[in-house]
Amino acid sequence: MSYRGPEFDDLQPRRPRRGALTVAVAALVPGALLGWLVYEAVGDSGGSGGTPGQASGASASAHPSAPASPTDAPASDAKEPSAPPTPSAAAPLKGKVVVIDPGHNPGNFQHTADINRKVHIGTNWKECDTTGTSTNSGYTEAKFTLDVAHRLRTLLQQQGATVKLTQDGDRPYGPCINERAKIGNAAKADAVVSIHADGSGAGNRGFHVILPASVHKGAADTRPIVGPSRDLGERIAGSFVRVTGSAPSNYVGNGTGLVTRQDLGGLNLSTVPKVFLECGNMRDSKDAALLTSGAWRQKAAQGISDGIVSFLRG
């Protein structure tokens, strides 16, 4: 996703609190430096990838307000056969509930009036949802998020977790950002991860995890989940670097891969640990090469899964 739309389109990038990120910096920097070298090598080799973002350092995961026309994914996006998930003997996540929130919906572009209507996010009103962004070649963020969500679901189910998706391309549009939060809350999820890809400017690369700020206003009260959400986010960031070889964002987060925000309804209205993950910038050719690669998306799903497992096992 990007710093656009309901969850990102109209957002402005926030400066993370330096004090609160000290631990994250110490944990991520060594891995990030190594990851960046690998990342550069992979990007230069012609892999496909790109994250949506906006100028002025804003994350594009909010996505462009103009609907993107759906196009077939590149050859590297071909569906790969997958065997039914087989829970491991240990089933370390048995009894745990994880909600995966694939950002945007492939059908949003056909329902602009519906997704443009305003919903309340506790602090103010925002659009129900947005179309999301896309690579310059037309591979949409909505397709990307669903693909990664499916791969992640399989990995978590193999660990014994009960996994629910906020949408599976099985509804005309949405759900709205406030409903996405309610789905995780109603499931009493032990962890919720909202998957996105940014739409920033060319040259802006890398991933970042968005953490909830302490918000207490109207229907929003994130105070109980700020701590555990940060723990979840830091673990996912560390695993993402290690497994994908990608580096933390070079345009937000001061190199930590972590950003704290108080303007996202999906975080403000959550009562369970939750984070957003911008997997990369769809508008950068090197990131786009990764994001459109099925092999890389499998690594992304593995990195997210490892972070969630680490968090849930303490």
Protein backbone atom coordinates (compact mmCIF):
# COMPACT_ATOMS: atom_id res chain seq x y z
CA MET A 1 0.00 0.00 0.00
CA SER A 2 1.20 3.49 -0.04
CA TYR A 3 0.62 6.62 1.90
CA ARG A 4 -2.65 7.02 0.11
CA GLY A 5 -6.33 6.36 0.30
CA PRO A 6 -8.44 5.13 3.12
CA GLU A 7 -5.56 3.46 4.71
CA PHE A 8 -2.89 5.36 2.87
CA ASP A 9 -4.06 7.45 -0.07
CA ASP A 10 -4.47 10.68 1.81
CA LEU A 11 -1.85 10.02 4.45
CA GLN A 12 1.27 11.94 5.17
CA PRO A 13 4.35 10.03 6.39
CA ARG A 14 4.95 10.22 10.12
CA ARG A 15 8.35 10.51 11.73
CA PRO A 16 8.86 7.50 14.02
CA ARG A 17 9.74 8.23 17.62
CA ARG A 18 13.48 7.74 17.74
CA GLY A 19 13.54 6.65 21.39
CA ALA A 20 11.01 3.91 20.85
CA LEU A 21 12.90 2.51 17.88
CA THR A 22 16.28 2.08 19.57
CA VAL A 23 15.83 -1.65 20.12
CA ALA A 24 14.52 -2.14 16.59
CA VAL A 25 17.47 -0.29 15.10
CA ALA A 26 19.97 -2.39 17.00
CA ALA A 27 18.24 -5.58 15.96
CA LEU A 28 17.71 -4.72 12.32
CA VAL A 29 20.71 -2.73 11.16
CA PRO A 30 23.24 -5.61 10.91
CA GLY A 31 20.75 -7.82 9.06
CA ALA A 32 19.55 -4.90 6.99
CA LEU A 33 23.04 -4.10 5.72
CA LEU A 34 23.59 -7.69 4.64
CA GLY A 35 20.03 -7.88 3.30
CA TRP A 36 20.53 -4.72 1.26
CA LEU A 37 23.58 -6.19 -0.52
CA VAL A 38 21.54 -9.23 -1.49
CA TYR A 39 18.60 -7.00 -2.35
CA GLU A 40 20.72 -4.88 -4.71
CA ALA A 41 22.09 -7.98 -6.39
CA VAL A 42 18.65 -9.47 -6.92
CA GLY A 43 17.16 -6.22 -8.14
CA ASP A 44 19.97 -5.62 -10.62
CA SER A 45 19.63 -9.15 -11.96
CA GLY A 46 16.32 -8.23 -13.55
CA GLY A 47 13.92 -9.65 -10.96
CA SER A 48 10.53 -7.95 -11.01
CA GLY A 49 9.30 -5.77 -8.17
CA GLY A 50 7.99 -2.39 -7.27
CA THR A 51 6.18 -0.72 -4.40
CA PRO A 52 3.62 2.03 -4.75
CA GLY A 53 4.59 5.22 -2.98
CA GLN A 54 4.26 8.94 -3.06
CA ALA A 55 6.58 11.84 -3.19
CA SER A 56 7.94 13.67 -0.18
CA GLY A 57 8.76 10.37 1.52
CA ALA A 58 5.09 9.41 1.80
CA SER A 59 4.30 5.72 1.54
CA ALA A 60 2.16 4.88 -1.45
CA SER A 61 0.45 1.96 0.12
CA ALA A 62 -2.45 4.24 0.48
CA HIS A 63 -2.60 3.77 -3.25
CA PRO A 64 -3.57 5.91 -6.10
CA SER A 65 -7.10 7.26 -5.97
CA ALA A 66 -7.55 6.63 -9.68
CA PRO A 67 -8.65 3.02 -10.22
CA ALA A 68 -6.05 0.84 -11.82
CA SER A 69 -7.24 -1.35 -14.67
CA PRO A 70 -6.68 -5.01 -13.82
CA THR A 71 -4.23 -6.77 -16.07
CA ASP A 72 -2.86 -10.25 -16.20
CA ALA A 73 0.15 -10.75 -14.00
CA PRO A 74 3.50 -11.28 -15.73
CA ALA A 75 4.69 -14.75 -16.62
CA SER A 76 6.54 -15.00 -13.32
CA ASP A 77 3.17 -14.57 -11.59
CA ALA A 78 1.79 -17.84 -12.94
CA LYS A 79 -0.06 -19.88 -10.36
CA GLU A 80 2.10 -22.47 -8.72
CA PRO A 81 0.55 -25.78 -7.64
CA SER A 82 0.32 -26.06 -3.89
CA ALA A 83 -0.44 -29.09 -1.78
CA PRO A 84 -3.10 -28.91 0.95
CA PRO A 85 -1.57 -27.63 4.18
CA THR A 86 -0.37 -30.43 6.42
CA PRO A 87 -0.04 -29.38 10.08
CA SER A 88 3.33 -30.31 11.50
CA ALA A 89 3.42 -32.91 14.22
CA ALA A 90 4.29 -30.28 16.81
CA ALA A 91 1.58 -27.85 15.59
CA PRO A 92 3.17 -25.02 17.62
CA LEU A 93 0.34 -22.62 16.75
CA LYS A 94 -2.53 -24.91 17.63
CA GLY A 95 -5.23 -22.84 19.32
CA LYS A 96 -3.88 -19.57 17.89
CA VAL A 97 -5.96 -17.40 15.56
CA VAL A 98 -4.31 -15.26 12.89
CA VAL A 99 -6.20 -12.85 10.67
CA ILE A 100 -4.62 -11.90 7.34
CA ASP A 101 -5.87 -8.68 5.77
CA PRO A 102 -5.05 -8.54 2.03
CA GLY A 103 -4.99 -4.82 1.25
CA HIS A 104 -7.65 -3.66 -1.23
CA ASN A 105 -9.92 -5.84 -3.34
CA PRO A 106 -9.50 -6.72 -7.03
CA GLY A 107 -13.06 -5.51 -7.62
CA ASN A 108 -12.66 -2.09 -5.99
CA PHE A 109 -11.98 -0.37 -9.30
CA GLN A 110 -15.50 -1.33 -10.44
CA HIS A 111 -17.15 0.14 -7.34
CA THR A 112 -15.65 3.59 -6.95
CA ALA A 113 -18.82 5.12 -5.48
CA ASP A 114 -18.94 2.43 -2.79
CA ILE A 115 -15.30 2.62 -1.80
CA ASN A 116 -15.28 6.43 -1.84
CA ARG A 117 -18.00 6.75 0.81
CA LYS A 118 -16.70 7.90 4.19
CA VAL A 119 -16.48 5.75 7.32
CA HIS A 120 -15.43 6.83 10.80
CA ILE A 121 -12.08 5.60 12.08
CA GLY A 122 -12.33 6.87 15.64
CA THR A 123 -10.34 10.05 15.09
CA ASN A 124 -11.89 11.27 11.84
CA TRP A 125 -13.63 10.19 8.63
CA LYS A 126 -11.91 8.45 5.72
CA GLU A 127 -12.88 6.71 2.50
CA CYS A 128 -14.13 3.14 2.84
CA ASP A 129 -11.23 1.79 0.78
CA THR A 130 -9.13 2.52 -2.30
CA THR A 131 -8.18 0.67 -5.47
CA GLY A 132 -4.57 0.34 -4.38
CA THR A 133 -1.57 0.92 -6.57
CA SER A 134 0.16 -1.11 -9.29
CA THR A 135 3.48 -1.59 -11.02
CA ASN A 136 4.20 0.42 -14.16
CA SER A 137 3.36 -2.71 -16.16
CA GLY A 138 -0.09 -2.96 -14.54
CA TYR A 139 0.35 -5.69 -11.91
CA THR A 140 -2.05 -4.52 -9.22
CA GLU A 141 -1.46 -4.33 -5.53
CA ALA A 142 -4.77 -6.13 -4.94
CA LYS A 143 -3.50 -9.17 -6.89
CA PHE A 144 -0.20 -9.04 -5.06
CA THR A 145 -1.73 -8.91 -1.59
CA LEU A 146 -4.12 -11.80 -2.26
CA ASP A 147 -1.32 -13.97 -3.63
CA VAL A 148 0.92 -13.36 -0.61
CA ALA A 149 -2.06 -13.86 1.72
CA HIS A 150 -2.78 -17.29 0.21
CA ARG A 151 0.84 -18.36 0.56
CA LEU A 152 0.97 -17.06 4.13
CA ARG A 153 -2.26 -18.83 5.05
CA THR A 154 -0.85 -22.16 3.91
CA LEU A 155 2.34 -21.70 5.93
CA LEU A 156 0.47 -20.75 9.10
CA GLN A 157 -2.03 -23.59 8.76
CA GLN A 158 0.89 -26.00 8.48
CA GLN A 159 1.92 -24.69 11.90
CA GLY A 160 -1.53 -25.51 13.28
CA ALA A 161 -2.96 -21.98 13.37
CA THR A 162 -6.56 -21.09 12.58
CA VAL A 163 -6.32 -18.52 9.78
CA LYS A 164 -8.99 -16.11 8.57
CA LEU A 165 -8.84 -13.63 5.70
CA THR A 166 -10.71 -10.33 5.75
CA GLN A 167 -11.44 -10.86 2.05
CA ASP A 168 -10.53 -13.50 -0.48
CA GLY A 169 -11.65 -11.87 -3.71
CA ASP A 170 -15.05 -13.32 -2.79
CA ARG A 171 -16.96 -10.05 -2.51
CA PRO A 172 -17.64 -7.23 -5.00
CA TYR A 173 -15.48 -4.70 -3.16
CA GLY A 174 -13.99 -3.89 0.23
CA PRO A 175 -14.44 -4.56 3.04
CA CYS A 176 -14.18 -0.99 4.30
CA ILE A 177 -11.26 -0.19 6.56
CA ASN A 178 -13.44 -0.08 9.69
CA GLU A 179 -14.92 -3.49 8.87
CA ARG A 180 -11.46 -4.94 8.33
CA ALA A 181 -10.61 -3.98 11.89
CA LYS A 182 -13.88 -5.44 13.20
CA ILE A 183 -13.15 -8.79 11.53
CA GLY A 184 -9.90 -9.16 13.45
CA ASN A 185 -11.54 -8.03 16.68
CA ALA A 186 -14.50 -10.40 16.31
CA ALA A 187 -12.14 -13.31 15.67
CA LYS A 188 -10.29 -12.44 18.89
CA ALA A 189 -7.17 -12.81 16.81
CA ASP A 190 -3.85 -13.36 18.48
CA ALA A 191 -2.24 -11.42 15.61
CA VAL A 192 -3.42 -9.51 12.54
CA VAL A 193 -1.25 -8.54 9.59
CA SER A 194 -2.46 -6.24 6.82
CA ILE A 195 -0.48 -6.88 3.63
CA HIS A 196 0.24 -4.07 1.18
CA ALA A 197 2.74 -2.78 -1.37
CA ASP A 198 3.64 0.88 -1.60
CA GLY A 199 3.33 3.29 -4.51
CA SER A 200 6.14 5.74 -3.94
CA GLY A 201 8.52 7.35 -6.39
CA ALA A 202 11.21 5.58 -8.39
CA GLY A 203 14.38 5.11 -6.37
CA ASN A 204 12.41 4.65 -3.14
CA ARG A 205 12.97 1.03 -2.19
CA GLY A 206 12.55 -1.46 0.60
CA PHE A 207 9.84 -2.59 3.01
CA HIS A 208 8.44 -1.04 6.14
CA VAL A 209 6.13 -2.19 8.93
CA ILE A 210 3.55 0.28 10.18
CA LEU A 211 2.81 0.16 13.91
CA PRO A 212 -0.18 1.68 15.73
CA ALA A 213 0.42 4.87 17.70
CA SER A 214 -1.23 5.38 21.07
CA VAL A 215 -4.65 6.74 20.14
CA HIS A 216 -7.55 7.30 22.53
CA LYS A 217 -10.39 9.15 20.90
CA GLY A 218 -13.96 8.24 20.06
CA ALA A 219 -14.18 4.56 19.14
CA ALA A 220 -10.40 4.29 18.93
CA ASP A 221 -8.30 3.12 21.85
CA THR A 222 -5.05 1.49 20.83
CA ARG A 223 -3.34 1.82 24.20
CA PRO A 224 -3.69 -1.89 25.10
CA ILE A 225 -2.23 -3.08 21.79
CA VAL A 226 0.64 -0.64 21.23
CA GLY A 227 3.19 -2.79 23.06
CA PRO A 228 2.32 -6.21 21.60
CA SER A 229 1.86 -4.72 18.14
CA ARG A 230 5.38 -3.29 18.26
CA ASP A 231 6.72 -6.68 19.31
CA LEU A 232 4.87 -8.30 16.39
CA GLY A 233 6.13 -5.66 13.96
CA GLU A 234 9.75 -5.89 15.05
CA ARG A 235 9.75 -9.68 14.72
CA ILE A 236 8.20 -9.53 11.25
CA ALA A 237 10.70 -6.87 10.15
CA GLY A 238 13.63 -8.95 11.34
CA SER A 239 12.37 -12.11 9.66
CA PHE A 240 11.52 -10.27 6.45
CA VAL A 241 15.10 -9.02 6.12
CA ARG A 242 16.53 -12.45 6.81
CA VAL A 243 14.29 -14.45 4.48
CA THR A 244 13.77 -12.09 1.53
CA GLY A 245 17.12 -10.30 1.52
CA SER A 246 15.22 -7.02 1.19
CA ALA A 247 16.37 -4.01 3.15
CA PRO A 248 14.28 -1.66 5.29
CA SER A 249 12.80 1.32 3.44
CA ASN A 250 15.25 3.99 2.33
CA TYR A 251 12.54 6.68 2.33
CA VAL A 252 10.61 6.28 5.61
CA GLY A 253 11.52 4.85 9.01
CA ASN A 254 15.08 6.17 9.24
CA GLY A 255 16.45 2.81 8.11
CA THR A 256 14.67 0.81 10.83
CA GLY A 257 11.88 -0.60 8.68
CA LEU A 258 9.42 0.59 11.33
CA VAL A 259 6.97 3.49 11.14
CA THR A 260 4.39 4.52 13.75
CA ARG A 261 1.16 6.12 12.56
CA GLN A 262 -2.09 7.31 14.07
CA ASP A 263 -4.07 7.99 10.88
CA LEU A 264 -4.95 4.46 9.78
CA GLY A 265 -8.44 3.21 10.59
CA GLY A 266 -7.35 -0.42 10.38
CA LEU A 267 -4.96 0.18 13.28
CA ASN A 268 -6.93 2.77 15.25
CA LEU A 269 -10.00 0.55 15.54
CA SER A 270 -8.16 -2.67 16.30
CA THR A 271 -8.41 -4.19 19.77
CA VAL A 272 -5.95 -6.98 19.01
CA PRO A 273 -2.23 -6.84 18.06
CA LYS A 274 -2.02 -5.63 14.49
CA VAL A 275 0.49 -4.19 12.00
CA PHE A 276 0.58 -3.19 8.35
CA LEU A 277 3.37 -4.36 6.08
CA GLU A 278 4.42 -2.48 2.95
CA CYS A 279 6.37 -5.21 1.20
CA GLY A 280 8.08 -2.91 -1.28
CA ASN A 281 7.54 -0.05 -3.73
CA MET A 282 5.63 -1.10 -6.84
CA ARG A 283 6.68 2.06 -8.68
CA ASP A 284 10.39 1.32 -8.46
CA SER A 285 11.60 -1.01 -11.22
CA LYS A 286 13.91 -3.03 -8.97
CA ASP A 287 11.28 -3.51 -6.26
CA ALA A 288 8.66 -4.24 -8.92
CA ALA A 289 10.85 -7.02 -10.28
CA LEU A 290 10.69 -8.67 -6.87
CA LEU A 291 7.01 -8.09 -6.19
CA THR A 292 6.00 -9.65 -9.51
CA SER A 293 8.12 -12.74 -8.91
CA GLY A 294 6.28 -15.76 -7.56
CA ALA A 295 9.48 -17.08 -5.99
CA TRP A 296 10.06 -13.81 -4.14
CA ARG A 297 6.45 -13.64 -2.96
CA GLN A 298 6.91 -17.08 -1.43
CA LYS A 299 9.92 -15.72 0.46
CA ALA A 300 7.85 -12.73 1.56
CA ALA A 301 5.14 -15.03 2.90
CA GLN A 302 7.78 -17.11 4.70
CA GLY A 303 9.33 -14.03 6.26
CA ILE A 304 5.96 -12.82 7.52
CA SER A 305 5.07 -16.29 8.79
CA ASP A 306 8.35 -16.64 10.68
CA GLY A 307 7.75 -13.29 12.38
CA ILE A 308 4.22 -14.24 13.38
CA VAL A 309 5.31 -17.64 14.71
CA SER A 310 8.07 -16.01 16.73
CA PHE A 311 5.61 -13.52 18.19
CA LEU A 312 2.97 -16.09 19.06
CA ARG A 313 5.49 -18.45 20.66
CA GLY A 314 6.93 -15.59 22.72
